[in-house]
């Protein structure tokens, strides 16, 4: 009986370590993607794709152009990280 309890405790420790590791990796990944998105947004402003006082809607139009004008304007804009982290995809 004691052996079974020790095995159960060991399994719970492994599960706990795994879940904490997944959470930490997810948090690190999200922070890194957000940093890349901010750099990318600064570059899009510099290139003229976005205004200094852009809104989330401006980023949505850049990521998901709906009209021909929006499609033409967004050509050449590299906004992958911005689209993913700002909730537009």
Protein backbone atom coordinates (compact mmCIF):
# COMPACT_ATOMS: atom_id res chain seq x y z
CA UNK A 1 0.00 0.00 0.00
CA UNK A 2 2.83 2.37 0.87
CA UNK A 3 4.46 1.73 -2.51
CA UNK A 4 1.24 2.62 -4.34
CA UNK A 5 0.91 5.89 -2.40
CA UNK A 6 4.52 6.84 -3.18
CA UNK A 7 3.94 6.16 -6.86
CA UNK A 8 0.81 8.33 -6.78
CA UNK A 9 2.69 11.21 -5.12
CA UNK A 10 5.52 10.90 -7.65
CA UNK A 11 3.01 10.97 -10.53
CA UNK A 12 1.35 14.07 -9.11
CA UNK A 13 4.73 15.82 -8.83
CA UNK A 14 5.50 15.01 -12.46
CA UNK A 15 2.09 16.30 -13.54
CA UNK A 16 2.55 19.48 -11.49
CA UNK A 17 5.99 20.13 -13.01
CA UNK A 18 4.62 19.51 -16.50
CA UNK A 19 1.68 21.89 -16.06
CA UNK A 20 3.86 24.63 -14.57
CA UNK A 21 6.35 24.20 -17.43
CA UNK A 22 3.60 24.48 -20.04
CA UNK A 23 2.27 27.63 -18.36
CA UNK A 24 5.74 29.22 -18.16
CA UNK A 25 6.52 28.39 -21.79
CA UNK A 26 3.17 29.80 -22.90
CA UNK A 27 3.79 33.01 -20.94
CA UNK A 28 7.30 33.41 -22.38
CA UNK A 29 6.01 32.76 -25.90
CA UNK A 30 3.27 35.36 -25.47
CA UNK A 31 5.71 37.98 -24.13
CA UNK A 32 8.15 37.40 -26.99
CA UNK A 33 5.38 37.58 -29.61
CA UNK A 34 4.10 40.81 -28.05
CA UNK A 35 7.58 42.33 -28.20
CA UNK A 36 7.91 41.36 -31.87
CA UNK A 37 4.44 42.78 -32.55
CA UNK A 38 5.33 46.13 -31.00
CA UNK A 39 8.52 46.34 -33.06
CA UNK A 40 6.53 45.36 -36.13
CA UNK A 41 3.88 48.03 -35.45
CA UNK A 42 6.61 50.66 -35.09
CA UNK A 43 7.99 49.57 -38.46
CA UNK A 44 4.52 49.71 -40.06
CA UNK A 45 4.14 53.26 -38.75
CA UNK A 46 7.57 54.18 -40.11
CA UNK A 47 6.68 52.72 -43.52
CA UNK A 48 3.38 54.62 -43.63
CA UNK A 49 0.98 51.68 -43.33
CA UNK A 50 -0.35 52.95 -39.98
CA UNK A 51 -0.75 56.39 -38.42
CA UNK A 52 0.91 57.24 -35.09
CA UNK A 53 -2.50 57.20 -33.37
CA UNK A 54 -3.72 53.97 -35.00
CA UNK A 55 -6.68 52.08 -33.58
CA UNK A 56 -7.27 48.36 -33.32
CA UNK A 57 -9.64 48.72 -36.26
CA UNK A 58 -6.77 50.05 -38.39
CA UNK A 59 -4.73 46.96 -37.56
CA UNK A 60 -7.74 44.73 -38.34
CA UNK A 61 -8.09 46.36 -41.78
CA UNK A 62 -4.38 45.84 -42.41
CA UNK A 63 -4.55 42.17 -41.37
CA UNK A 64 -7.90 41.33 -42.95
CA UNK A 65 -8.54 43.71 -45.86
CA UNK A 66 -12.15 43.53 -47.03
CA UNK A 67 -12.32 46.04 -49.86
CA UNK A 68 -10.16 46.48 -52.94
CA UNK A 69 -8.79 49.72 -51.51
CA UNK A 70 -7.80 47.98 -48.26
CA UNK A 71 -6.25 45.07 -50.19
CA UNK A 72 -4.20 47.44 -52.33
CA UNK A 73 -3.09 49.46 -49.32
CA UNK A 74 -2.05 46.40 -47.32
CA UNK A 75 0.14 44.94 -50.09
CA UNK A 76 3.70 44.69 -48.87
CA UNK A 77 2.80 45.16 -45.21
CA UNK A 78 4.41 42.48 -43.06
CA UNK A 79 2.14 42.34 -40.03
CA UNK A 80 2.08 38.69 -38.91
CA UNK A 81 2.97 39.17 -35.23
CA UNK A 82 0.71 42.21 -34.94
CA UNK A 83 -2.20 40.30 -36.40
CA UNK A 84 -1.72 37.30 -34.11
CA UNK A 85 -1.11 39.12 -30.83
CA UNK A 86 -3.57 41.95 -31.28
CA UNK A 87 -6.43 39.48 -31.67
CA UNK A 88 -7.12 40.02 -35.33
CA UNK A 89 -6.60 36.44 -36.50
